[in-house]
Amino acid sequence: QVQLVESGGGLVQPGGSLRLSCAASGSIFKIYDMAWYRQAPGKQRELVAVITNGGSTNYADSVKGRFTISRDNAKNTVYLQMNSLKPEDTAVYYCNGVDGLARPFGNWGQGTQVTVSS
C-alpha cells in the first residue's frame, strides 16, 4: 500500500510557477509508475502527467510544454513543476501510483490546492 502526501500548492498569478511535491511511502516506490491528477470544483478528477519507473513521461495536452513531472527515487518523491500557469489550472492536485494502463491503485491523499488568479 502506498501512502501519499502532496504539498507545494498555493495562490499564484497567471504566468507564474509552482512546484508540487508528492512524498510516497513504501519500500517498493521505485517500481511504481506515478501520476499527477487534478480536480476542479464541479469537474471530474483528470490525469495530468505520468512518469514511469524508468523515467518516461506523458502529459495531458492541456499542460504539455508547461508542466514537467519528475521523480527522485532516493527521496521517494514525485514532483510537478508547473510553469506559465493559467486560471484554468486551478484545481486540487493529487498524486498516486498507477499501473501500466495509468489506473490509480493507491489511497488518495488530501491533495494540494493550486489557485491561479490575478
N, C-alpha and C. Protein backbone atom coordinates (compact mmCIF):
# COMPACT_ATOMS: atom_id res chain seq x y z
N GLN A 1 0.85 -1.18 0.00
CA GLN A 1 0.00 0.00 0.00
C GLN A 1 0.89 1.24 0.00
N VAL A 2 0.60 2.17 -0.89
CA VAL A 2 1.34 3.41 -0.96
C VAL A 2 0.56 4.51 -0.24
N GLN A 3 1.26 5.28 0.56
CA GLN A 3 0.68 6.44 1.23
C GLN A 3 1.33 7.69 0.67
N LEU A 4 0.53 8.70 0.44
CA LEU A 4 0.95 9.86 -0.32
C LEU A 4 0.61 11.16 0.40
N VAL A 5 1.55 12.08 0.37
CA VAL A 5 1.35 13.40 0.95
C VAL A 5 1.78 14.44 -0.08
N GLU A 6 0.82 15.21 -0.56
CA GLU A 6 1.08 16.25 -1.53
C GLU A 6 1.32 17.59 -0.83
N SER A 7 2.18 18.40 -1.43
CA SER A 7 2.45 19.72 -0.88
C SER A 7 2.93 20.64 -2.00
N GLY A 8 3.02 21.92 -1.70
CA GLY A 8 3.58 22.88 -2.62
C GLY A 8 2.58 23.77 -3.32
N GLY A 9 1.30 23.52 -3.12
CA GLY A 9 0.30 24.35 -3.76
C GLY A 9 0.21 25.72 -3.12
N GLY A 10 -0.59 26.57 -3.74
CA GLY A 10 -0.76 27.91 -3.22
C GLY A 10 -1.45 28.79 -4.23
N LEU A 11 -1.46 30.07 -3.94
CA LEU A 11 -2.05 31.08 -4.81
C LEU A 11 -0.96 31.71 -5.65
N VAL A 12 -1.17 31.74 -6.95
CA VAL A 12 -0.19 32.29 -7.86
C VAL A 12 -0.90 33.06 -8.97
N GLN A 13 -0.26 34.09 -9.47
CA GLN A 13 -0.83 34.87 -10.56
C GLN A 13 -0.65 34.16 -11.90
N PRO A 14 -1.53 34.44 -12.86
CA PRO A 14 -1.33 33.86 -14.19
C PRO A 14 0.07 34.14 -14.72
N GLY A 15 0.65 33.11 -15.32
CA GLY A 15 2.02 33.19 -15.81
C GLY A 15 3.06 32.78 -14.80
N GLY A 16 2.65 32.59 -13.56
CA GLY A 16 3.57 32.21 -12.52
C GLY A 16 3.88 30.73 -12.51
N SER A 17 4.67 30.32 -11.52
CA SER A 17 5.13 28.94 -11.42
C SER A 17 4.97 28.41 -10.00
N LEU A 18 4.79 27.12 -9.91
CA LEU A 18 4.78 26.40 -8.65
C LEU A 18 5.43 25.04 -8.87
N ARG A 19 6.01 24.50 -7.82
CA ARG A 19 6.49 23.13 -7.86
C ARG A 19 5.79 22.34 -6.78
N LEU A 20 5.06 21.33 -7.20
CA LEU A 20 4.36 20.45 -6.28
C LEU A 20 5.24 19.25 -5.95
N SER A 21 5.11 18.77 -4.73
CA SER A 21 5.84 17.59 -4.29
C SER A 21 4.85 16.54 -3.80
N CYS A 22 5.21 15.31 -4.01
CA CYS A 22 4.42 14.17 -3.55
C CYS A 22 5.36 13.20 -2.87
N ALA A 23 5.25 13.11 -1.56
CA ALA A 23 6.06 12.19 -0.79
C ALA A 23 5.32 10.87 -0.65
N ALA A 24 5.93 9.81 -1.09
CA ALA A 24 5.30 8.49 -1.11
C ALA A 24 6.02 7.55 -0.17
N SER A 25 5.25 6.81 0.60
CA SER A 25 5.82 5.79 1.46
C SER A 25 5.89 4.47 0.72
N GLY A 26 6.65 3.56 1.29
CA GLY A 26 6.75 2.24 0.70
C GLY A 26 8.14 1.93 0.20
N SER A 27 8.59 0.74 0.52
CA SER A 27 9.94 0.34 0.14
C SER A 27 10.06 -0.04 -1.33
N ILE A 28 8.93 -0.21 -2.01
CA ILE A 28 8.95 -0.56 -3.42
C ILE A 28 8.54 0.62 -4.30
N PHE A 29 8.75 1.82 -3.80
CA PHE A 29 8.42 3.02 -4.56
C PHE A 29 9.03 3.00 -5.96
N LYS A 30 10.24 2.52 -6.06
CA LYS A 30 10.96 2.58 -7.32
C LYS A 30 10.29 1.82 -8.45
N ILE A 31 9.46 0.83 -8.13
CA ILE A 31 8.82 0.04 -9.18
C ILE A 31 7.53 0.67 -9.68
N TYR A 32 7.03 1.67 -8.99
CA TYR A 32 5.75 2.27 -9.35
C TYR A 32 5.90 3.28 -10.46
N ASP A 33 4.96 3.24 -11.39
CA ASP A 33 4.70 4.41 -12.21
C ASP A 33 3.89 5.38 -11.34
N MET A 34 4.15 6.67 -11.49
CA MET A 34 3.47 7.67 -10.68
C MET A 34 2.80 8.70 -11.57
N ALA A 35 1.74 9.28 -11.04
CA ALA A 35 0.97 10.24 -11.83
C ALA A 35 0.48 11.38 -10.97
N TRP A 36 0.28 12.51 -11.61
CA TRP A 36 -0.41 13.64 -11.02
C TRP A 36 -1.78 13.76 -11.66
N TYR A 37 -2.77 14.03 -10.81
CA TYR A 37 -4.14 14.28 -11.22
C TYR A 37 -4.56 15.64 -10.68
N ARG A 38 -5.64 16.16 -11.22
CA ARG A 38 -6.22 17.36 -10.65
C ARG A 38 -7.73 17.30 -10.75
N GLN A 39 -8.37 18.01 -9.83
CA GLN A 39 -9.82 18.07 -9.82
C GLN A 39 -10.26 19.49 -9.49
N ALA A 40 -10.95 20.10 -10.42
CA ALA A 40 -11.51 21.42 -10.23
C ALA A 40 -12.93 21.28 -9.69
N PRO A 41 -13.44 22.31 -9.01
CA PRO A 41 -14.80 22.24 -8.49
C PRO A 41 -15.82 21.93 -9.58
N GLY A 42 -16.68 20.96 -9.31
CA GLY A 42 -17.71 20.58 -10.25
C GLY A 42 -17.24 19.73 -11.42
N LYS A 43 -15.98 19.35 -11.43
CA LYS A 43 -15.44 18.55 -12.52
C LYS A 43 -14.87 17.24 -11.98
N GLN A 44 -14.73 16.28 -12.87
CA GLN A 44 -14.13 15.01 -12.51
C GLN A 44 -12.63 15.14 -12.37
N ARG A 45 -12.05 14.25 -11.60
CA ARG A 45 -10.61 14.19 -11.50
C ARG A 45 -10.02 13.79 -12.84
N GLU A 46 -9.00 14.50 -13.28
CA GLU A 46 -8.40 14.23 -14.57
C GLU A 46 -6.91 13.97 -14.43
N LEU A 47 -6.41 13.14 -15.30
CA LEU A 47 -5.00 12.81 -15.33
C LEU A 47 -4.22 13.95 -15.96
N VAL A 48 -3.15 14.36 -15.30
CA VAL A 48 -2.33 15.48 -15.76
C VAL A 48 -1.02 15.01 -16.36
N ALA A 49 -0.32 14.14 -15.65
CA ALA A 49 1.00 13.70 -16.09
C ALA A 49 1.34 12.36 -15.47
N VAL A 50 2.14 11.59 -16.17
CA VAL A 50 2.58 10.28 -15.71
C VAL A 50 4.09 10.18 -15.88
N ILE A 51 4.74 9.57 -14.91
CA ILE A 51 6.14 9.22 -15.05
C ILE A 51 6.30 7.75 -14.67
N THR A 52 6.93 6.99 -15.55
CA THR A 52 7.11 5.58 -15.30
C THR A 52 8.27 5.34 -14.34
N ASN A 53 8.39 4.09 -13.91
CA ASN A 53 9.51 3.76 -13.03
C ASN A 53 10.85 3.96 -13.73
N GLY A 54 10.84 3.94 -15.05
CA GLY A 54 12.04 4.18 -15.81
C GLY A 54 12.28 5.62 -16.20
N GLY A 55 11.35 6.50 -15.86
CA GLY A 55 11.53 7.92 -16.11
C GLY A 55 10.87 8.46 -17.36
N SER A 56 10.16 7.62 -18.10
CA SER A 56 9.43 8.12 -19.26
C SER A 56 8.23 8.93 -18.80
N THR A 57 7.88 9.95 -19.55
CA THR A 57 6.81 10.86 -19.14
C THR A 57 5.76 11.02 -20.22
N ASN A 58 4.55 11.31 -19.79
CA ASN A 58 3.45 11.65 -20.67
C ASN A 58 2.61 12.72 -20.00
N TYR A 59 2.00 13.58 -20.81
CA TYR A 59 1.26 14.72 -20.31
C TYR A 59 -0.07 14.86 -21.01
N ALA A 60 -1.02 15.40 -20.27
CA ALA A 60 -2.26 15.82 -20.90
C ALA A 60 -1.96 16.96 -21.86
N ASP A 61 -2.72 17.00 -22.95
CA ASP A 61 -2.49 18.04 -23.94
C ASP A 61 -2.60 19.44 -23.34
N SER A 62 -3.45 19.60 -22.35
CA SER A 62 -3.69 20.91 -21.77
C SER A 62 -2.49 21.47 -21.01
N VAL A 63 -1.56 20.60 -20.61
CA VAL A 63 -0.41 21.06 -19.83
C VAL A 63 0.91 20.82 -20.55
N LYS A 64 0.87 20.18 -21.68
CA LYS A 64 2.09 19.84 -22.41
C LYS A 64 2.87 21.10 -22.76
N GLY A 65 4.15 21.07 -22.47
CA GLY A 65 5.01 22.22 -22.72
C GLY A 65 5.08 23.20 -21.57
N ARG A 66 4.20 23.06 -20.59
CA ARG A 66 4.19 23.94 -19.43
C ARG A 66 4.54 23.23 -18.13
N PHE A 67 4.13 21.98 -18.00
CA PHE A 67 4.36 21.20 -16.79
C PHE A 67 5.43 20.15 -17.04
N THR A 68 6.19 19.83 -16.00
CA THR A 68 7.18 18.78 -16.06
C THR A 68 7.07 17.89 -14.84
N ILE A 69 6.87 16.61 -15.05
CA ILE A 69 6.84 15.65 -13.95
C ILE A 69 8.23 15.02 -13.83
N SER A 70 8.67 14.82 -12.60
CA SER A 70 9.95 14.20 -12.35
C SER A 70 9.87 13.39 -11.07
N ARG A 71 10.90 12.60 -10.81
CA ARG A 71 10.91 11.81 -9.59
C ARG A 71 12.32 11.69 -9.05
N ASP A 72 12.41 11.56 -7.75
CA ASP A 72 13.65 11.31 -7.06
C ASP A 72 13.42 10.06 -6.22
N ASN A 73 13.87 8.94 -6.74
CA ASN A 73 13.60 7.68 -6.07
C ASN A 73 14.30 7.58 -4.71
N ALA A 74 15.44 8.23 -4.58
CA ALA A 74 16.15 8.22 -3.30
C ALA A 74 15.35 8.90 -2.21
N LYS A 75 14.50 9.85 -2.59
CA LYS A 75 13.67 10.57 -1.64
C LYS A 75 12.22 10.10 -1.64
N ASN A 76 11.91 9.09 -2.44
CA ASN A 76 10.53 8.61 -2.57
C ASN A 76 9.58 9.76 -2.87
N THR A 77 9.97 10.61 -3.78
CA THR A 77 9.22 11.83 -4.04
C THR A 77 9.03 12.04 -5.53
N VAL A 78 7.83 12.48 -5.90
CA VAL A 78 7.50 12.86 -7.26
C VAL A 78 7.19 14.35 -7.27
N TYR A 79 7.61 15.02 -8.31
CA TYR A 79 7.43 16.46 -8.42
C TYR A 79 6.62 16.81 -9.66
N LEU A 80 5.97 17.95 -9.59
CA LEU A 80 5.33 18.52 -10.76
C LEU A 80 5.71 19.99 -10.83
N GLN A 81 6.59 20.32 -11.75
CA GLN A 81 6.95 21.70 -11.99
C GLN A 81 5.92 22.31 -12.92
N MET A 82 5.28 23.37 -12.47
CA MET A 82 4.18 23.99 -13.20
C MET A 82 4.59 25.41 -13.56
N ASN A 83 4.77 25.65 -14.85
CA ASN A 83 5.14 26.96 -15.35
C ASN A 83 4.03 27.53 -16.21
N SER A 84 4.09 28.82 -16.44
CA SER A 84 3.11 29.52 -17.28
C SER A 84 1.69 29.17 -16.87
N LEU A 85 1.43 29.25 -15.59
CA LEU A 85 0.13 28.82 -15.07
C LEU A 85 -1.00 29.70 -15.57
N LYS A 86 -2.12 29.05 -15.79
CA LYS A 86 -3.32 29.69 -16.29
C LYS A 86 -4.45 29.53 -15.28
N PRO A 87 -5.44 30.42 -15.30
CA PRO A 87 -6.57 30.25 -14.38
C PRO A 87 -7.24 28.89 -14.48
N GLU A 88 -7.28 28.31 -15.67
CA GLU A 88 -7.90 27.01 -15.84
C GLU A 88 -7.10 25.87 -15.22
N ASP A 89 -5.89 26.15 -14.74
CA ASP A 89 -5.13 25.16 -13.99
C ASP A 89 -5.57 25.07 -12.53
N THR A 90 -6.43 25.97 -12.11
CA THR A 90 -6.90 25.97 -10.73
C THR A 90 -7.61 24.66 -10.41
N ALA A 91 -7.14 23.98 -9.38
CA ALA A 91 -7.68 22.68 -9.00
C ALA A 91 -6.96 22.20 -7.76
N VAL A 92 -7.49 21.13 -7.19
CA VAL A 92 -6.75 20.38 -6.19
C VAL A 92 -5.94 19.32 -6.93
N TYR A 93 -4.66 19.28 -6.66
CA TYR A 93 -3.76 18.36 -7.34
C TYR A 93 -3.43 17.18 -6.44
N TYR A 94 -3.50 15.99 -7.01
CA TYR A 94 -3.25 14.75 -6.30
C TYR A 94 -2.20 13.93 -7.03
N CYS A 95 -1.48 13.12 -6.30
CA CYS A 95 -0.62 12.14 -6.93
C CYS A 95 -1.08 10.74 -6.53
N ASN A 96 -0.65 9.77 -7.30
CA ASN A 96 -0.97 8.39 -6.98
C ASN A 96 -0.07 7.47 -7.80
N GLY A 97 0.08 6.25 -7.32
CA GLY A 97 0.71 5.23 -8.12
C GLY A 97 -0.28 4.75 -9.18
N VAL A 98 0.25 4.40 -10.33
CA VAL A 98 -0.59 3.93 -11.42
C VAL A 98 0.00 2.66 -12.01
N ASP A 99 -0.87 1.84 -12.56
CA ASP A 99 -0.40 0.63 -13.21
C ASP A 99 -0.03 0.94 -14.66
N GLY A 100 0.25 -0.11 -15.40
CA GLY A 100 0.69 0.07 -16.77
C GLY A 100 -0.32 0.69 -17.69
N LEU A 101 -1.58 0.72 -17.27
CA LEU A 101 -2.64 1.37 -18.04
C LEU A 101 -3.03 2.71 -17.43
N ALA A 102 -2.17 3.26 -16.58
CA ALA A 102 -2.36 4.56 -15.95
C ALA A 102 -3.58 4.57 -15.03
N ARG A 103 -3.91 3.44 -14.44
CA ARG A 103 -5.00 3.35 -13.50
C ARG A 103 -4.47 3.51 -12.07
N PRO A 104 -5.00 4.45 -11.29
CA PRO A 104 -4.50 4.64 -9.93
C PRO A 104 -4.85 3.46 -9.04
N PHE A 105 -3.94 3.12 -8.15
CA PHE A 105 -4.18 1.98 -7.28
C PHE A 105 -3.94 2.26 -5.81
N GLY A 106 -3.35 3.38 -5.47
CA GLY A 106 -3.10 3.71 -4.08
C GLY A 106 -4.25 4.46 -3.46
N ASN A 107 -4.13 4.67 -2.15
CA ASN A 107 -5.09 5.52 -1.46
C ASN A 107 -4.83 6.98 -1.83
N TRP A 108 -5.91 7.71 -2.06
CA TRP A 108 -5.77 9.13 -2.37
C TRP A 108 -5.38 9.91 -1.13
N GLY A 109 -4.43 10.82 -1.31
CA GLY A 109 -4.09 11.75 -0.25
C GLY A 109 -5.07 12.91 -0.21
N GLN A 110 -4.73 13.93 0.55
CA GLN A 110 -5.60 15.09 0.67
C GLN A 110 -5.45 16.06 -0.50
N GLY A 111 -4.40 15.92 -1.26
CA GLY A 111 -4.15 16.82 -2.36
C GLY A 111 -3.60 18.15 -1.90
N THR A 112 -3.23 18.98 -2.86
CA THR A 112 -2.77 20.32 -2.56
C THR A 112 -3.44 21.30 -3.52
N GLN A 113 -3.95 22.38 -2.97
CA GLN A 113 -4.73 23.34 -3.74
C GLN A 113 -3.82 24.27 -4.53
N VAL A 114 -4.10 24.38 -5.81
CA VAL A 114 -3.45 25.36 -6.67
C VAL A 114 -4.51 26.33 -7.17
N THR A 115 -4.30 27.59 -6.90
CA THR A 115 -5.22 28.63 -7.35
C THR A 115 -4.45 29.64 -8.18
N VAL A 116 -4.88 29.82 -9.42
CA VAL A 116 -4.24 30.75 -10.34
C VAL A 116 -5.21 31.89 -10.57
N SER A 117 -4.87 33.05 -10.07
CA SER A 117 -5.79 34.19 -10.13
C SER A 117 -5.02 35.48 -9.99
N SER A 118 -5.52 36.52 -10.66
CA SER A 118 -4.91 37.83 -10.54
C SER A 118 -5.26 38.48 -9.22
